[in-house]
C-alpha atoms as a PDB file:
ATOM      1  CA  MET A   1      26.702  51.810  20.306  1.00  0.00           C
ATOM      2  CA  ASN A   2      25.038  48.669  18.726  1.00  0.00           C
ATOM      3  CA  GLU A   3      26.353  49.581  15.418  1.00  0.00           C
ATOM      4  CA  ARG A   4      29.895  49.835  16.731  1.00  0.00           C
ATOM      5  CA  ASN A   5      29.491  46.305  18.305  1.00  0.00           C
ATOM      6  CA  ASN A   6      28.321  44.954  14.952  1.00  0.00           C
ATOM      7  CA  LEU A   7      31.273  46.441  13.278  1.00  0.00           C
ATOM      8  CA  ASN A   8      33.632  44.917  15.766  1.00  0.00           C
ATOM      9  CA  THR A   9      31.919  41.565  15.393  1.00  0.00           C
ATOM     10  CA  ARG A  10      32.323  41.512  11.662  1.00  0.00           C
ATOM     11  CA  GLN A  11      35.919  42.518  11.851  1.00  0.00           C
ATOM     12  CA  GLU A  12      36.602  39.655  14.301  1.00  0.00           C
ATOM     13  CA  SER A  13      34.896  37.021  12.264  1.00  0.00           C
ATOM     14  CA  ARG A  14      36.850  38.126   9.285  1.00  0.00           C
ATOM     15  CA  ARG A  15      40.080  37.815  11.068  1.00  0.00           C
ATOM     16  CA  ALA A  16      39.098  34.330  12.365  1.00  0.00           C
ATOM     17  CA  ALA A  17      38.005  33.125   8.900  1.00  0.00           C
ATOM     18  CA  PRO A  18      40.823  31.276   7.030  1.00  0.00           C
ATOM     19  CA  ASP A  19      42.287  33.327   4.151  1.00  0.00           C
ATOM     20  CA  PRO A  20      40.845  32.211   0.929  1.00  0.00           C
ATOM     21  CA  LEU A  21      44.290  32.285  -0.689  1.00  0.00           C
ATOM     22  CA  MET A  22      45.486  29.574   1.990  1.00  0.00           C
ATOM     23  CA  ILE A  23      42.432  27.465   1.190  1.00  0.00           C
ATOM     24  CA  ASP A  24      43.151  27.585  -2.532  1.00  0.00           C
ATOM     25  CA  PHE A  25      46.919  27.452  -2.531  1.00  0.00           C
ATOM     26  CA  PRO A  26      48.055  25.638   0.845  1.00  0.00           C
ATOM     27  CA  SER A  27      51.351  24.289  -0.692  1.00  0.00           C
ATOM     28  CA  ASP A  28      52.303  27.431  -2.691  1.00  0.00           C
ATOM     29  CA  GLY A  29      55.311  28.767  -0.942  1.00  0.00           C
ATOM     30  CA  ASP A  30      55.081  32.114  -2.823  1.00  0.00           C
ATOM     31  CA  VAL A  31      51.471  32.761  -1.653  1.00  0.00           C
ATOM     32  CA  VAL A  32      52.435  31.916   1.920  1.00  0.00           C
ATOM     33  CA  LEU A  33      55.467  34.346   1.882  1.00  0.00           C
ATOM     34  CA  MET A  34      53.503  36.988   0.275  1.00  0.00           C
ATOM     35  CA  LEU A  35      50.405  36.873   2.543  1.00  0.00           C
ATOM     36  CA  GLY A  36      52.470  36.441   5.619  1.00  0.00           C
ATOM     37  CA  GLY A  37      54.636  39.561   4.517  1.00  0.00           C
ATOM     38  CA  LEU A  38      51.479  41.584   3.937  1.00  0.00           C
ATOM     39  CA  TYR A  39      50.031  40.644   7.487  1.00  0.00           C
ATOM     40  CA  LYS A  40      53.335  41.622   9.072  1.00  0.00           C
ATOM     41  CA  LYS A  41      53.758  44.949   7.075  1.00  0.00           C
ATOM     42  CA  HIS A  42      50.185  45.832   8.515  1.00  0.00           C
ATOM     43  CA  GLY A  43      51.157  45.076  12.005  1.00  0.00           C
ATOM     44  CA  ARG A  44      49.287  41.800  12.105  1.00  0.00           C
ATOM     45  CA  VAL A  45      52.162  39.802  13.397  1.00  0.00           C
ATOM     46  CA  LYS A  46      50.047  37.109  15.079  1.00  0.00           C
ATOM     47  CA  GLU A  47      48.105  36.327  11.902  1.00  0.00           C
ATOM     48  CA  ALA A  48      51.277  36.251   9.925  1.00  0.00           C
ATOM     49  CA  ALA A  49      52.716  33.707  12.320  1.00  0.00           C
ATOM     50  CA  GLU A  50      49.545  31.630  11.970  1.00  0.00           C
ATOM     51  CA  ILE A  51      49.664  31.743   8.197  1.00  0.00           C
ATOM     52  CA  TYR A  52      53.470  30.572   8.532  1.00  0.00           C
ATOM     53  CA  ASP A  53      52.657  27.807  10.934  1.00  0.00           C
ATOM     54  CA  ARG A  54      49.726  26.372   8.953  1.00  0.00           C
ATOM     55  CA  ALA A  55      51.849  26.415   5.744  1.00  0.00           C
ATOM     56  CA  LEU A  56      54.542  24.265   7.374  1.00  0.00           C
ATOM     57  CA  VAL A  57      52.222  21.407   8.353  1.00  0.00           C
ATOM     58  CA  PRO A  58      50.686  20.038   5.061  1.00  0.00           C
ATOM     59  CA  PRO A  59      52.813  17.824   2.807  1.00  0.00           C
ATOM     60  CA  GLY A  60      53.629  19.055  -0.633  1.00  0.00           C
ATOM     61  CA  LEU A  61      55.615  22.246   0.297  1.00  0.00           C
ATOM     62  CA  PRO A  62      59.243  22.013  -0.945  1.00  0.00           C
ATOM     63  CA  GLU A  63      61.957  21.980   1.753  1.00  0.00           C
ATOM     64  CA  ALA A  64      63.419  25.319   0.311  1.00  0.00           C
ATOM     65  CA  TYR A  65      60.222  27.045   0.985  1.00  0.00           C
ATOM     66  CA  LYS A  66      59.802  25.459   4.225  1.00  0.00           C
ATOM     67  CA  ALA A  67      63.113  26.980   5.288  1.00  0.00           C
ATOM     68  CA  ARG A  68      62.361  30.313   3.909  1.00  0.00           C
ATOM     69  CA  ILE A  69      58.813  30.417   5.668  1.00  0.00           C
ATOM     70  CA  ALA A  70      60.377  29.315   9.052  1.00  0.00           C
ATOM     71  CA  ALA A  71      63.019  32.019   8.792  1.00  0.00           C
ATOM     72  CA  ARG A  72      60.408  34.642   7.947  1.00  0.00           C
ATOM     73  CA  ARG A  73      58.250  33.501  10.900  1.00  0.00           C
ATOM     74  CA  ASP A  74      61.103  33.991  13.212  1.00  0.00           C
ATOM     75  CA  SER A  75      62.261  37.355  11.950  1.00  0.00           C
ATOM     76  CA  PRO A  76      60.862  40.518  13.463  1.00  0.00           C
ATOM     77  CA  CYS A  77      60.030  42.148  10.116  1.00  0.00           C
END
């Protein structure tokens, strides 16, 4: 049982950690759209929404990407 708890703890800590792509490329709209899309595709809608929300905050992201990211965040798929 302890082994199972350790696995769950490791999985949760990985999910809580910021994605390295978002650290390295916070203002790259293509990275944001790709990563958010992958999360959604795998049923990780909450994580996708967090990626999209964080991407809309820092300056430097072109308005065209902001609009696409906001639309993707609000879409069901």
